[in-house]
Amino acid sequence: MTQRLHLVFGGELTDPTKTTFKDPSAIHVVGIFPDYKSAFNAWKSEAQRTVDDAHMRYFIAHIHRLRDEKAPASPTEELGL
């Protein structure tokens, strides 16, 4: 069975109509979740907690989509680092 990991993160944006973080070093990493449903629940909780601040935004990143097993390995992976 393929593992489908999801990362939930967020923070203050420079402009509510864009996706640029005001301070990338202050990004709140909520966590990594084993399925979309649990990631969505975590995202929803954080989004509701910060609903009164239009500049706060949370996202779900599909980690499993960032890696294509059929693509050649990066130089770092080939070194075993």
N, C-alpha and C. Protein backbone atom coordinates (compact mmCIF):
# COMPACT_ATOMS: atom_id res chain seq x y z
N MET A 1 0.84 -1.18 0.00
CA MET A 1 0.00 0.00 0.00
C MET A 1 0.88 1.25 0.00
N THR A 2 0.57 2.20 -0.85
CA THR A 2 1.32 3.43 -0.94
C THR A 2 1.02 4.34 0.24
N GLN A 3 2.07 4.89 0.82
CA GLN A 3 1.89 5.82 1.93
C GLN A 3 1.72 7.22 1.36
N ARG A 4 0.71 7.92 1.81
CA ARG A 4 0.41 9.26 1.31
C ARG A 4 0.49 10.26 2.47
N LEU A 5 1.67 10.80 2.68
CA LEU A 5 1.89 11.74 3.78
C LEU A 5 1.47 13.15 3.39
N HIS A 6 0.98 13.90 4.39
CA HIS A 6 0.52 15.27 4.19
C HIS A 6 1.10 16.16 5.29
N LEU A 7 1.60 17.32 4.90
CA LEU A 7 2.16 18.30 5.82
C LEU A 7 1.17 19.45 5.96
N VAL A 8 0.87 19.83 7.20
CA VAL A 8 0.01 20.98 7.47
C VAL A 8 0.88 22.07 8.09
N PHE A 9 0.84 23.25 7.47
CA PHE A 9 1.66 24.36 7.95
C PHE A 9 0.95 25.67 7.63
N GLY A 10 1.40 26.74 8.29
CA GLY A 10 0.79 28.03 8.01
C GLY A 10 1.52 29.15 8.72
N GLY A 11 1.00 30.33 8.52
CA GLY A 11 1.59 31.50 9.15
C GLY A 11 1.00 32.78 8.59
N GLU A 12 1.61 33.88 8.96
CA GLU A 12 1.13 35.19 8.54
C GLU A 12 1.62 35.51 7.13
N LEU A 13 0.70 35.93 6.28
CA LEU A 13 1.02 36.28 4.92
C LEU A 13 1.26 37.79 4.79
N THR A 14 2.04 38.19 3.79
CA THR A 14 2.28 39.62 3.55
C THR A 14 1.02 40.30 3.03
N ASP A 15 0.20 39.54 2.31
CA ASP A 15 -1.02 40.07 1.71
C ASP A 15 -2.01 38.90 1.65
N PRO A 16 -3.24 39.09 2.13
CA PRO A 16 -4.20 37.98 2.15
C PRO A 16 -4.55 37.42 0.78
N THR A 17 -4.24 38.15 -0.28
CA THR A 17 -4.56 37.65 -1.63
C THR A 17 -3.39 36.90 -2.26
N LYS A 18 -2.29 36.79 -1.54
CA LYS A 18 -1.09 36.11 -2.04
C LYS A 18 -0.72 34.96 -1.10
N THR A 19 0.30 34.21 -1.46
CA THR A 19 0.76 33.10 -0.60
C THR A 19 2.21 33.29 -0.17
N THR A 20 2.62 34.54 0.03
CA THR A 20 3.98 34.84 0.47
C THR A 20 3.96 35.09 1.98
N PHE A 21 4.77 34.33 2.70
CA PHE A 21 4.80 34.49 4.15
C PHE A 21 5.57 35.74 4.56
N LYS A 22 5.05 36.42 5.57
CA LYS A 22 5.69 37.63 6.08
C LYS A 22 7.06 37.29 6.68
N ASP A 23 7.12 36.22 7.45
CA ASP A 23 8.36 35.80 8.09
C ASP A 23 8.47 34.27 7.98
N PRO A 24 9.15 33.78 6.94
CA PRO A 24 9.24 32.33 6.75
C PRO A 24 9.84 31.59 7.96
N SER A 25 10.66 32.25 8.73
CA SER A 25 11.23 31.57 9.91
C SER A 25 10.20 31.36 11.01
N ALA A 26 9.04 32.02 10.89
CA ALA A 26 7.99 31.88 11.90
C ALA A 26 6.84 30.99 11.43
N ILE A 27 7.06 30.24 10.35
CA ILE A 27 6.00 29.35 9.87
C ILE A 27 5.69 28.31 10.93
N HIS A 28 4.40 28.13 11.17
CA HIS A 28 3.93 27.15 12.16
C HIS A 28 3.73 25.80 11.46
N VAL A 29 4.54 24.84 11.82
CA VAL A 29 4.39 23.48 11.27
C VAL A 29 3.48 22.72 12.23
N VAL A 30 2.28 22.43 11.76
CA VAL A 30 1.30 21.73 12.59
C VAL A 30 1.70 20.27 12.72
N GLY A 31 2.12 19.67 11.61
CA GLY A 31 2.56 18.28 11.65
C GLY A 31 2.45 17.57 10.32
N ILE A 32 2.91 16.33 10.34
CA ILE A 32 2.82 15.45 9.17
C ILE A 32 1.80 14.37 9.51
N PHE A 33 0.90 14.13 8.57
CA PHE A 33 -0.22 13.23 8.83
C PHE A 33 -0.25 12.10 7.80
N PRO A 34 -0.71 10.91 8.21
CA PRO A 34 -0.64 9.73 7.36
C PRO A 34 -1.73 9.65 6.28
N ASP A 35 -2.72 10.53 6.35
CA ASP A 35 -3.78 10.51 5.36
C ASP A 35 -4.40 11.90 5.24
N TYR A 36 -5.11 12.12 4.16
CA TYR A 36 -5.69 13.43 3.90
C TYR A 36 -6.73 13.81 4.95
N LYS A 37 -7.52 12.86 5.38
CA LYS A 37 -8.58 13.15 6.35
C LYS A 37 -8.02 13.74 7.64
N SER A 38 -6.99 13.13 8.19
CA SER A 38 -6.42 13.65 9.44
C SER A 38 -5.71 14.98 9.20
N ALA A 39 -5.09 15.15 8.02
CA ALA A 39 -4.46 16.43 7.68
C ALA A 39 -5.52 17.51 7.55
N PHE A 40 -6.62 17.18 6.92
CA PHE A 40 -7.71 18.14 6.76
C PHE A 40 -8.27 18.57 8.11
N ASN A 41 -8.43 17.62 9.01
CA ASN A 41 -8.95 17.94 10.35
C ASN A 41 -8.00 18.87 11.09
N ALA A 42 -6.69 18.63 10.98
CA ALA A 42 -5.70 19.51 11.62
C ALA A 42 -5.71 20.89 10.97
N TRP A 43 -5.78 20.92 9.63
CA TRP A 43 -5.85 22.19 8.91
C TRP A 43 -7.08 22.99 9.33
N LYS A 44 -8.22 22.32 9.39
CA LYS A 44 -9.47 22.98 9.74
C LYS A 44 -9.42 23.56 11.15
N SER A 45 -8.83 22.81 12.06
CA SER A 45 -8.70 23.28 13.44
C SER A 45 -7.87 24.56 13.51
N GLU A 46 -6.72 24.58 12.82
CA GLU A 46 -5.86 25.77 12.83
C GLU A 46 -6.52 26.93 12.09
N ALA A 47 -7.18 26.65 10.98
CA ALA A 47 -7.85 27.69 10.21
C ALA A 47 -8.96 28.33 11.04
N GLN A 48 -9.72 27.52 11.76
CA GLN A 48 -10.79 28.06 12.60
C GLN A 48 -10.23 28.84 13.78
N ARG A 49 -9.10 28.40 14.31
CA ARG A 49 -8.49 29.08 15.45
C ARG A 49 -8.02 30.48 15.06
N THR A 50 -7.64 30.67 13.81
CA THR A 50 -7.09 31.95 13.36
C THR A 50 -8.03 32.69 12.41
N VAL A 51 -9.30 32.33 12.41
CA VAL A 51 -10.26 32.87 11.44
C VAL A 51 -10.39 34.40 11.51
N ASP A 52 -10.16 35.01 12.64
CA ASP A 52 -10.31 36.46 12.78
C ASP A 52 -9.13 37.24 12.23
N ASP A 53 -8.06 36.58 11.84
CA ASP A 53 -6.89 37.25 11.30
C ASP A 53 -6.78 36.92 9.81
N ALA A 54 -7.15 37.87 8.97
CA ALA A 54 -7.18 37.64 7.52
C ALA A 54 -5.81 37.34 6.94
N HIS A 55 -4.75 37.71 7.64
CA HIS A 55 -3.39 37.47 7.14
C HIS A 55 -2.85 36.07 7.50
N MET A 56 -3.53 35.36 8.37
CA MET A 56 -3.09 34.01 8.74
C MET A 56 -3.71 33.01 7.77
N ARG A 57 -2.87 32.10 7.30
CA ARG A 57 -3.34 31.10 6.36
C ARG A 57 -2.64 29.79 6.62
N TYR A 58 -3.38 28.70 6.52
CA TYR A 58 -2.82 27.35 6.67
C TYR A 58 -3.01 26.57 5.38
N PHE A 59 -2.09 25.66 5.13
CA PHE A 59 -2.05 24.90 3.89
C PHE A 59 -1.84 23.42 4.18
N ILE A 60 -2.26 22.59 3.23
CA ILE A 60 -1.95 21.15 3.26
C ILE A 60 -1.05 20.87 2.06
N ALA A 61 0.13 20.36 2.32
CA ALA A 61 1.05 19.97 1.25
C ALA A 61 1.03 18.45 1.13
N HIS A 62 0.86 17.98 -0.07
CA HIS A 62 0.82 16.54 -0.33
C HIS A 62 2.26 16.07 -0.53
N ILE A 63 2.88 15.63 0.53
CA ILE A 63 4.29 15.24 0.48
C ILE A 63 4.52 14.12 -0.53
N HIS A 64 3.58 13.21 -0.64
CA HIS A 64 3.75 12.09 -1.57
C HIS A 64 3.82 12.56 -3.02
N ARG A 65 3.35 13.75 -3.31
CA ARG A 65 3.42 14.27 -4.68
C ARG A 65 4.76 14.94 -4.97
N LEU A 66 5.53 15.21 -3.94
CA LEU A 66 6.81 15.88 -4.13
C LEU A 66 7.90 14.93 -4.62
N ARG A 67 7.62 13.66 -4.56
CA ARG A 67 8.65 12.68 -4.86
C ARG A 67 8.14 11.69 -5.90
N ASP A 68 8.83 11.61 -6.98
CA ASP A 68 8.48 10.67 -8.04
C ASP A 68 9.53 9.58 -8.05
N GLU A 69 9.17 8.41 -7.63
CA GLU A 69 10.12 7.30 -7.52
C GLU A 69 10.74 6.91 -8.86
N LYS A 70 10.08 7.24 -9.97
CA LYS A 70 10.60 6.88 -11.29
C LYS A 70 11.61 7.90 -11.80
N ALA A 71 11.64 9.08 -11.18
CA ALA A 71 12.60 10.12 -11.60
C ALA A 71 13.98 9.78 -11.07
N PRO A 72 15.03 10.20 -11.78
CA PRO A 72 16.39 9.94 -11.31
C PRO A 72 16.61 10.59 -9.93
N ALA A 73 17.42 9.97 -9.13
CA ALA A 73 17.73 10.49 -7.80
C ALA A 73 18.54 11.75 -7.90
N SER A 74 18.39 12.60 -6.88
CA SER A 74 19.18 13.82 -6.84
C SER A 74 20.61 13.46 -6.43
N PRO A 75 21.60 14.33 -6.68
CA PRO A 75 22.97 14.05 -6.28
C PRO A 75 23.09 13.73 -4.79
N THR A 76 22.32 14.41 -3.96
CA THR A 76 22.38 14.16 -2.51
C THR A 76 21.93 12.74 -2.19
N GLU A 77 20.83 12.30 -2.82
CA GLU A 77 20.34 10.95 -2.57
C GLU A 77 21.35 9.91 -3.03
N GLU A 78 22.01 10.17 -4.13
CA GLU A 78 22.99 9.22 -4.64
C GLU A 78 24.18 9.10 -3.73
N LEU A 79 24.48 10.14 -2.98
CA LEU A 79 25.57 10.10 -2.00
C LEU A 79 25.15 9.42 -0.71
N GLY A 80 23.86 9.19 -0.57
CA GLY A 80 23.36 8.55 0.64
C GLY A 80 23.24 9.51 1.81
N LEU A 81 23.15 10.80 1.51
CA LEU A 81 23.03 11.80 2.58
C LEU A 81 21.60 12.11 2.89
